[in-house]
Amino acid sequence: MSRMVLIVFAVVVLGAVGGFAALGLTGRPPVQQQVHRDLPFAADVAAATPSVAVPPPPAAPVVTPVVPAAPAQISVAPTGPAPAHP
């Protein structure tokens, strides 16, 4: 066999062995482990805090845009004879 075929075969075999080693002998992915623990919170601390009534925000003023009935029209009228073009 040529040297390149042996190198490709070795890479494939090493990849397969590495995959089985990563997954274990069962061939299944590892079980997800717990990262965070549940912390107990005291219920009476939250109940002892009096709740404060928050007043609703004031009503916002109503703003309506003012649009003129017809926009101003600019008229351009010639004031003299047209210039001659060369």
PDB file of N, CA and C in Angstrom:
ATOM      1  N   MET A   1       0.842  -1.188   0.000  1.00  0.00           N
ATOM      2  CA  MET A   1       0.000   0.000   0.000  1.00  0.00           C
ATOM      3  C   MET A   1       0.879   1.241   0.000  1.00  0.00           C
ATOM      4  N   SER A   2       0.300   2.272  -0.493  1.00  0.00           N
ATOM      5  CA  SER A   2       1.092   3.500  -0.513  1.00  0.00           C
ATOM      6  C   SER A   2       1.068   4.156   0.871  1.00  0.00           C
ATOM      7  N   ARG A   3       1.996   5.033   1.078  1.00  0.00           N
ATOM      8  CA  ARG A   3       2.117   5.684   2.378  1.00  0.00           C
ATOM      9  C   ARG A   3       0.899   6.565   2.677  1.00  0.00           C
ATOM     10  N   MET A   4       0.316   7.242   1.664  1.00  0.00           N
ATOM     11  CA  MET A   4      -0.824   8.135   1.875  1.00  0.00           C
ATOM     12  C   MET A   4      -2.059   7.343   2.320  1.00  0.00           C
ATOM     13  N   VAL A   5      -2.266   6.164   1.735  1.00  0.00           N
ATOM     14  CA  VAL A   5      -3.419   5.343   2.124  1.00  0.00           C
ATOM     15  C   VAL A   5      -3.273   4.911   3.574  1.00  0.00           C
ATOM     16  N   LEU A   6      -2.062   4.553   3.997  1.00  0.00           N
ATOM     17  CA  LEU A   6      -1.846   4.157   5.384  1.00  0.00           C
ATOM     18  C   LEU A   6      -2.085   5.319   6.349  1.00  0.00           C
ATOM     19  N   ILE A   7      -1.681   6.521   5.960  1.00  0.00           N
ATOM     20  CA  ILE A   7      -1.897   7.696   6.818  1.00  0.00           C
ATOM     21  C   ILE A   7      -3.384   7.979   6.959  1.00  0.00           C
ATOM     22  N   VAL A   8      -4.148   7.927   5.863  1.00  0.00           N
ATOM     23  CA  VAL A   8      -5.594   8.166   5.918  1.00  0.00           C
ATOM     24  C   VAL A   8      -6.264   7.093   6.763  1.00  0.00           C
ATOM     25  N   PHE A   9      -5.854   5.842   6.598  1.00  0.00           N
ATOM     26  CA  PHE A   9      -6.431   4.754   7.382  1.00  0.00           C
ATOM     27  C   PHE A   9      -6.143   4.943   8.870  1.00  0.00           C
ATOM     28  N   ALA A  10      -4.935   5.372   9.210  1.00  0.00           N
ATOM     29  CA  ALA A  10      -4.574   5.602  10.611  1.00  0.00           C
ATOM     30  C   ALA A  10      -5.393   6.734  11.215  1.00  0.00           C
ATOM     31  N   VAL A  11      -5.628   7.786  10.447  1.00  0.00           N
ATOM     32  CA  VAL A  11      -6.436   8.908  10.942  1.00  0.00           C
ATOM     33  C   VAL A  11      -7.868   8.461  11.192  1.00  0.00           C
ATOM     34  N   VAL A  12      -8.436   7.660  10.287  1.00  0.00           N
ATOM     35  CA  VAL A  12      -9.805   7.176  10.452  1.00  0.00           C
ATOM     36  C   VAL A  12      -9.902   6.261  11.668  1.00  0.00           C
ATOM     37  N   VAL A  13      -8.951   5.374  11.843  1.00  0.00           N
ATOM     38  CA  VAL A  13      -8.980   4.453  12.986  1.00  0.00           C
ATOM     39  C   VAL A  13      -8.809   5.221  14.294  1.00  0.00           C
ATOM     40  N   LEU A  14      -7.887   6.176  14.331  1.00  0.00           N
ATOM     41  CA  LEU A  14      -7.700   6.963  15.545  1.00  0.00           C
ATOM     42  C   LEU A  14      -8.943   7.806  15.863  1.00  0.00           C
ATOM     43  N   GLY A  15      -9.601   8.320  14.843  1.00  0.00           N
ATOM     44  CA  GLY A  15     -10.839   9.070  15.074  1.00  0.00           C
ATOM     45  C   GLY A  15     -11.934   8.184  15.646  1.00  0.00           C
ATOM     46  N   ALA A  16     -12.062   6.963  15.132  1.00  0.00           N
ATOM     47  CA  ALA A  16     -13.083   6.037  15.636  1.00  0.00           C
ATOM     48  C   ALA A  16     -12.780   5.630  17.072  1.00  0.00           C
ATOM     49  N   VAL A  17     -11.520   5.336  17.364  1.00  0.00           N
ATOM     50  CA  VAL A  17     -11.146   4.960  18.735  1.00  0.00           C
ATOM     51  C   VAL A  17     -11.356   6.136  19.684  1.00  0.00           C
ATOM     52  N   GLY A  18     -11.017   7.336  19.242  1.00  0.00           N
ATOM     53  CA  GLY A  18     -11.237   8.518  20.079  1.00  0.00           C
ATOM     54  C   GLY A  18     -12.712   8.777  20.325  1.00  0.00           C
ATOM     55  N   GLY A  19     -13.553   8.539  19.321  1.00  0.00           N
ATOM     56  CA  GLY A  19     -14.993   8.721  19.497  1.00  0.00           C
ATOM     57  C   GLY A  19     -15.566   7.732  20.486  1.00  0.00           C
ATOM     58  N   PHE A  20     -15.149   6.476  20.385  1.00  0.00           N
ATOM     59  CA  PHE A  20     -15.630   5.483  21.349  1.00  0.00           C
ATOM     60  C   PHE A  20     -15.117   5.779  22.752  1.00  0.00           C
ATOM     61  N   ALA A  21     -13.913   6.285  22.853  1.00  0.00           N
ATOM     62  CA  ALA A  21     -13.374   6.624  24.171  1.00  0.00           C
ATOM     63  C   ALA A  21     -14.135   7.804  24.771  1.00  0.00           C
ATOM     64  N   ALA A  22     -14.549   8.762  23.939  1.00  0.00           N
ATOM     65  CA  ALA A  22     -15.293   9.919  24.445  1.00  0.00           C
ATOM     66  C   ALA A  22     -16.699   9.522  24.871  1.00  0.00           C
ATOM     67  N   LEU A  23     -17.322   8.609  24.133  1.00  0.00           N
ATOM     68  CA  LEU A  23     -18.685   8.200  24.454  1.00  0.00           C
ATOM     69  C   LEU A  23     -18.730   7.085  25.493  1.00  0.00           C
ATOM     70  N   GLY A  24     -17.636   6.421  25.725  1.00  0.00           N
ATOM     71  CA  GLY A  24     -17.631   5.288  26.644  1.00  0.00           C
ATOM     72  C   GLY A  24     -17.938   4.017  25.873  1.00  0.00           C
ATOM     73  N   LEU A  25     -17.931   2.909  26.599  1.00  0.00           N
ATOM     74  CA  LEU A  25     -18.148   1.634  25.930  1.00  0.00           C
ATOM     75  C   LEU A  25     -19.606   1.406  25.569  1.00  0.00           C
ATOM     76  N   THR A  26     -20.546   2.185  26.150  1.00  0.00           N
ATOM     77  CA  THR A  26     -21.963   2.005  25.832  1.00  0.00           C
ATOM     78  C   THR A  26     -22.314   2.623  24.501  1.00  0.00           C
ATOM     79  N   GLY A  27     -21.543   3.582  24.041  1.00  0.00           N
ATOM     80  CA  GLY A  27     -21.837   4.233  22.774  1.00  0.00           C
ATOM     81  C   GLY A  27     -22.933   5.274  22.884  1.00  0.00           C
ATOM     82  N   ARG A  28     -23.253   5.679  24.113  1.00  0.00           N
ATOM     83  CA  ARG A  28     -24.284   6.702  24.320  1.00  0.00           C
ATOM     84  C   ARG A  28     -23.629   7.961  24.880  1.00  0.00           C
ATOM     85  N   PRO A  29     -24.217   9.118  24.605  1.00  0.00           N
ATOM     86  CA  PRO A  29     -23.634  10.349  25.149  1.00  0.00           C
ATOM     87  C   PRO A  29     -23.758  10.376  26.669  1.00  0.00           C
ATOM     88  N   PRO A  30     -22.892  11.095  27.350  1.00  0.00           N
ATOM     89  CA  PRO A  30     -22.934  11.128  28.814  1.00  0.00           C
ATOM     90  C   PRO A  30     -24.210  11.773  29.324  1.00  0.00           C
ATOM     91  N   VAL A  31     -24.596  11.395  30.540  1.00  0.00           N
ATOM     92  CA  VAL A  31     -25.805  11.925  31.171  1.00  0.00           C
ATOM     93  C   VAL A  31     -25.513  13.342  31.636  1.00  0.00           C
ATOM     94  N   GLN A  32     -26.465  14.229  31.408  1.00  0.00           N
ATOM     95  CA  GLN A  32     -26.302  15.625  31.812  1.00  0.00           C
ATOM     96  C   GLN A  32     -26.259  15.723  33.335  1.00  0.00           C
ATOM     97  N   GLN A  33     -25.268  16.403  33.850  1.00  0.00           N
ATOM     98  CA  GLN A  33     -25.106  16.550  35.291  1.00  0.00           C
ATOM     99  C   GLN A  33     -25.719  17.855  35.758  1.00  0.00           C
ATOM    100  N   GLN A  34     -26.166  17.875  37.004  1.00  0.00           N
ATOM    101  CA  GLN A  34     -26.715  19.106  37.564  1.00  0.00           C
ATOM    102  C   GLN A  34     -25.582  20.092  37.803  1.00  0.00           C
ATOM    103  N   VAL A  35     -25.817  21.337  37.469  1.00  0.00           N
ATOM    104  CA  VAL A  35     -24.798  22.361  37.655  1.00  0.00           C
ATOM    105  C   VAL A  35     -25.135  23.225  38.852  1.00  0.00           C
ATOM    106  N   HIS A  36     -26.404  23.597  38.981  1.00  0.00           N
ATOM    107  CA  HIS A  36     -26.831  24.498  40.050  1.00  0.00           C
ATOM    108  C   HIS A  36     -27.609  23.727  41.096  1.00  0.00           C
ATOM    109  N   ARG A  37     -27.437  24.109  42.338  1.00  0.00           N
ATOM    110  CA  ARG A  37     -28.211  23.512  43.417  1.00  0.00           C
ATOM    111  C   ARG A  37     -29.380  24.410  43.733  1.00  0.00           C
ATOM    112  N   ASP A  38     -30.456  23.810  44.215  1.00  0.00           N
ATOM    113  CA  ASP A  38     -31.606  24.598  44.653  1.00  0.00           C
ATOM    114  C   ASP A  38     -31.289  25.201  46.013  1.00  0.00           C
ATOM    115  N   LEU A  39     -31.445  26.502  46.134  1.00  0.00           N
ATOM    116  CA  LEU A  39     -31.180  27.185  47.391  1.00  0.00           C
ATOM    117  C   LEU A  39     -32.505  27.443  48.099  1.00  0.00           C
ATOM    118  N   PRO A  40     -32.614  27.070  49.372  1.00  0.00           N
ATOM    119  CA  PRO A  40     -33.865  27.330  50.088  1.00  0.00           C
ATOM    120  C   PRO A  40     -33.961  28.806  50.456  1.00  0.00           C
ATOM    121  N   PHE A  41     -35.104  29.382  50.224  1.00  0.00           N
ATOM    122  CA  PHE A  41     -35.362  30.771  50.593  1.00  0.00           C
ATOM    123  C   PHE A  41     -36.383  30.794  51.721  1.00  0.00           C
ATOM    124  N   ALA A  42     -36.198  31.692  52.658  1.00  0.00           N
ATOM    125  CA  ALA A  42     -37.130  31.806  53.775  1.00  0.00           C
ATOM    126  C   ALA A  42     -38.412  32.460  53.286  1.00  0.00           C
ATOM    127  N   ALA A  43     -39.534  31.797  53.475  1.00  0.00           N
ATOM    128  CA  ALA A  43     -40.809  32.317  53.001  1.00  0.00           C
ATOM    129  C   ALA A  43     -41.302  33.462  53.858  1.00  0.00           C
ATOM    130  N   ASP A  44     -40.968  33.465  55.167  1.00  0.00           N
ATOM    131  CA  ASP A  44     -41.501  34.508  56.045  1.00  0.00           C
ATOM    132  C   ASP A  44     -40.818  35.847  55.810  1.00  0.00           C
ATOM    133  N   VAL A  45     -39.625  35.888  55.240  1.00  0.00           N
ATOM    134  CA  VAL A  45     -38.966  37.167  54.952  1.00  0.00           C
ATOM    135  C   VAL A  45     -39.719  37.903  53.859  1.00  0.00           C
ATOM    136  N   ALA A  46     -40.157  37.190  52.844  1.00  0.00           N
ATOM    137  CA  ALA A  46     -40.898  37.821  51.756  1.00  0.00           C
ATOM    138  C   ALA A  46     -42.285  38.233  52.228  1.00  0.00           C
ATOM    139  N   ALA A  47     -42.895  37.450  53.129  1.00  0.00           N
ATOM    140  CA  ALA A  47     -44.240  37.773  53.609  1.00  0.00           C
ATOM    141  C   ALA A  47     -44.214  38.937  54.594  1.00  0.00           C
ATOM    142  N   ALA A  48     -43.075  39.127  55.314  1.00  0.00           N
ATOM    143  CA  ALA A  48     -42.994  40.201  56.301  1.00  0.00           C
ATOM    144  C   ALA A  48     -42.824  41.564  55.645  1.00  0.00           C
ATOM    145  N   THR A  49     -42.354  41.610  54.440  1.00  0.00           N
ATOM    146  CA  THR A  49     -42.159  42.883  53.754  1.00  0.00           C
ATOM    147  C   THR A  49     -43.507  43.422  53.301  1.00  0.00           C
ATOM    148  N   PRO A  50     -43.881  44.618  53.766  1.00  0.00           N
ATOM    149  CA  PRO A  50     -45.181  45.159  53.342  1.00  0.00           C
ATOM    150  C   PRO A  50     -45.136  45.577  51.873  1.00  0.00           C
ATOM    151  N   SER A  51     -46.234  45.353  51.216  1.00  0.00           N
ATOM    152  CA  SER A  51     -46.296  45.752  49.814  1.00  0.00           C
ATOM    153  C   SER A  51     -46.673  47.229  49.723  1.00  0.00           C
ATOM    154  N   VAL A  52     -46.112  47.902  48.766  1.00  0.00           N
ATOM    155  CA  VAL A  52     -46.351  49.323  48.574  1.00  0.00           C
ATOM    156  C   VAL A  52     -47.199  49.490  47.323  1.00  0.00           C
ATOM    157  N   ALA A  53     -48.289  50.252  47.479  1.00  0.00           N
ATOM    158  CA  ALA A  53     -49.148  50.498  46.320  1.00  0.00           C
ATOM    159  C   ALA A  53     -48.493  51.553  45.442  1.00  0.00           C
ATOM    160  N   VAL A  54     -48.323  51.245  44.187  1.00  0.00           N
ATOM    161  CA  VAL A  54     -47.713  52.172  43.243  1.00  0.00           C
ATOM    162  C   VAL A  54     -48.830  52.862  42.476  1.00  0.00           C
ATOM    163  N   PRO A  55     -48.879  54.207  42.515  1.00  0.00           N
ATOM    164  CA  PRO A  55     -49.941  54.892  41.783  1.00  0.00           C
ATOM    165  C   PRO A  55     -49.725  54.756  40.277  1.00  0.00           C
ATOM    166  N   PRO A  56     -50.797  54.770  39.512  1.00  0.00           N
ATOM    167  CA  PRO A  56     -50.635  54.660  38.060  1.00  0.00           C
ATOM    168  C   PRO A  56     -49.956  55.911  37.511  1.00  0.00           C
ATOM    169  N   PRO A  57     -49.258  55.799  36.417  1.00  0.00           N
ATOM    170  CA  PRO A  57     -48.584  56.966  35.848  1.00  0.00           C
ATOM    171  C   PRO A  57     -49.621  57.974  35.349  1.00  0.00           C
ATOM    172  N   PRO A  58     -49.260  59.259  35.357  1.00  0.00           N
ATOM    173  CA  PRO A  58     -50.214  60.260  34.872  1.00  0.00           C
ATOM    174  C   PRO A  58     -50.488  60.069  33.381  1.00  0.00           C
ATOM    175  N   ALA A  59     -51.670  60.479  32.991  1.00  0.00           N
ATOM    176  CA  ALA A  59     -52.060  60.331  31.586  1.00  0.00           C
ATOM    177  C   ALA A  59     -51.187  61.241  30.722  1.00  0.00           C
ATOM    178  N   ALA A  60     -50.718  60.723  29.642  1.00  0.00           N
ATOM    179  CA  ALA A  60     -49.881  61.496  28.732  1.00  0.00           C
ATOM    180  C   ALA A  60     -50.758  62.440  27.916  1.00  0.00           C
ATOM    181  N   PRO A  61     -50.276  63.642  27.646  1.00  0.00           N
ATOM    182  CA  PRO A  61     -51.075  64.561  26.831  1.00  0.00           C
ATOM    183  C   PRO A  61     -51.202  64.040  25.398  1.00  0.00           C
ATOM    184  N   VAL A  62     -52.331  64.323  24.813  1.00  0.00           N
ATOM    185  CA  VAL A  62     -52.571  63.891  23.442  1.00  0.00           C
ATOM    186  C   VAL A  62     -51.979  64.934  22.505  1.00  0.00           C
ATOM    187  N   VAL A  63     -51.098  64.509  21.638  1.00  0.00           N
ATOM    188  CA  VAL A  63     -50.444  65.413  20.705  1.00  0.00           C
ATOM    189  C   VAL A  63     -50.919  65.050  19.306  1.00  0.00           C
ATOM    190  N   THR A  64     -51.491  66.031  18.626  1.00  0.00           N
ATOM    191  CA  THR A  64     -51.927  65.807  17.250  1.00  0.00           C
ATOM    192  C   THR A  64     -51.074  66.665  16.338  1.00  0.00           C
ATOM    193  N   PRO A  65     -50.565  66.110  15.257  1.00  0.00           N
ATOM    194  CA  PRO A  65     -49.741  66.909  14.350  1.00  0.00           C
ATOM    195  C   PRO A  65     -50.596  67.917  13.574  1.00  0.00           C
ATOM    196  N   VAL A  66     -50.030  69.080  13.355  1.00  0.00           N
ATOM    197  CA  VAL A  66     -50.722  70.122  12.605  1.00  0.00           C
ATOM    198  C   VAL A  66     -50.203  70.067  11.168  1.00  0.00           C
ATOM    199  N   VAL A  67     -51.109  69.798  10.238  1.00  0.00           N
ATOM    200  CA  VAL A  67     -50.747  69.706   8.838  1.00  0.00           C
ATOM    201  C   VAL A  67     -51.540  70.767   8.086  1.00  0.00           C
ATOM    202  N   PRO A  68     -50.871  71.615   7.297  1.00  0.00           N
ATOM    203  CA  PRO A  68     -51.627  72.624   6.552  1.00  0.00           C
ATOM    204  C   PRO A  68     -52.515  71.954   5.500  1.00  0.00           C
ATOM    205  N   ALA A  69     -53.599  72.650   5.151  1.00  0.00           N
ATOM    206  CA  ALA A  69     -54.553  72.093   4.192  1.00  0.00           C
ATOM    207  C   ALA A  69     -53.896  71.878   2.836  1.00  0.00           C
ATOM    208  N   ALA A  70     -53.127  72.830   2.368  1.00  0.00           N
ATOM    209  CA  ALA A  70     -52.441  72.690   1.089  1.00  0.00           C
ATOM    210  C   ALA A  70     -51.037  73.270   1.253  1.00  0.00           C
ATOM    211  N   PRO A  71     -50.024  72.533   0.898  1.00  0.00           N
ATOM    212  CA  PRO A  71     -48.681  73.087   1.032  1.00  0.00           C
ATOM    213  C   PRO A  71     -48.479  74.255   0.073  1.00  0.00           C
ATOM    214  N   ALA A  72     -47.579  75.118   0.445  1.00  0.00           N
ATOM    215  CA  ALA A  72     -47.319  76.301  -0.374  1.00  0.00           C
ATOM    216  C   ALA A  72     -46.733  75.875  -1.717  1.00  0.00           C
ATOM    217  N   GLN A  73     -47.210  76.489  -2.767  1.00  0.00           N
ATOM    218  CA  GLN A  73     -46.743  76.188  -4.123  1.00  0.00           C
ATOM    219  C   GLN A  73     -45.830  77.326  -4.571  1.00  0.00           C
ATOM    220  N   ILE A  74     -44.673  76.964  -5.042  1.00  0.00           N
ATOM    221  CA  ILE A  74     -43.737  77.966  -5.538  1.00  0.00           C
ATOM    222  C   ILE A  74     -43.879  78.016  -7.049  1.00  0.00           C
ATOM    223  N   SER A  75     -44.132  79.209  -7.561  1.00  0.00           N
ATOM    224  CA  SER A  75     -44.249  79.347  -9.013  1.00  0.00           C
ATOM    225  C   SER A  75     -43.020  80.100  -9.518  1.00  0.00           C
ATOM    226  N   VAL A  76     -42.431  79.578 -10.560  1.00  0.00           N
ATOM    227  CA  VAL A  76     -41.256  80.200 -11.156  1.00  0.00           C
ATOM    228  C   VAL A  76     -41.677  80.700 -12.537  1.00  0.00           C
ATOM    229  N   ALA A  77     -41.595  82.008 -12.723  1.00  0.00           N
ATOM    230  CA  ALA A  77     -41.966  82.607 -14.011  1.00  0.00           C
ATOM    231  C   ALA A  77     -40.720  83.213 -14.640  1.00  0.00           C
ATOM    232  N   PRO A  78     -40.552  83.016 -15.952  1.00  0.00           N
ATOM    233  CA  PRO A  78     -39.389  83.622 -16.600  1.00  0.00           C
ATOM    234  C   PRO A  78     -39.514  85.147 -16.571  1.00  0.00           C
ATOM    235  N   THR A  79     -38.422  85.819 -16.312  1.00  0.00           N
ATOM    236  CA  THR A  79     -38.445  87.283 -16.215  1.00  0.00           C
ATOM    237  C   THR A  79     -37.923  87.964 -17.471  1.00  0.00           C
ATOM    238  N   GLY A  80     -37.421  87.247 -18.401  1.00  0.00           N
ATOM    239  CA  GLY A  80     -36.899  87.878 -19.595  1.00  0.00           C
ATOM    240  C   GLY A  80     -36.763  86.857 -20.710  1.00  0.00           C
ATOM    241  N   PRO A  81     -36.093  87.224 -21.799  1.00  0.00           N
ATOM    242  CA  PRO A  81     -35.913  86.275 -22.908  1.00  0.00           C
ATOM    243  C   PRO A  81     -34.984  85.150 -22.492  1.00  0.00           C
ATOM    244  N   ALA A  82     -35.218  84.011 -23.043  1.00  0.00           N
ATOM    245  CA  ALA A  82     -34.389  82.852 -22.742  1.00  0.00           C
ATOM    246  C   ALA A  82     -32.999  83.052 -23.319  1.00  0.00           C
ATOM    247  N   PRO A  83     -31.956  82.661 -22.603  1.00  0.00           N
ATOM    248  CA  PRO A  83     -30.597  82.832 -23.133  1.00  0.00           C
ATOM    249  C   PRO A  83     -30.351  81.861 -24.290  1.00  0.00           C
ATOM    250  N   ALA A  84     -29.564  82.291 -25.231  1.00  0.00           N
ATOM    251  CA  ALA A  84     -29.241  81.453 -26.383  1.00  0.00           C
ATOM    252  C   ALA A  84     -28.095  80.527 -26.006  1.00  0.00           C
ATOM    253  N   HIS A  85     -28.242  79.293 -26.363  1.00  0.00           N
ATOM    254  CA  HIS A  85     -27.200  78.303 -26.070  1.00  0.00           C
ATOM    255  C   HIS A  85     -26.292  78.180 -27.260  1.00  0.00           C
ATOM    256  N   PRO A  86     -25.014  78.121 -27.085  1.00  0.00           N
ATOM    257  CA  PRO A  86     -24.076  78.028 -28.248  1.00  0.00           C
ATOM    258  C   PRO A  86     -24.104  76.681 -28.909  1.00  0.00           C
TER     259      PRO A  86
END
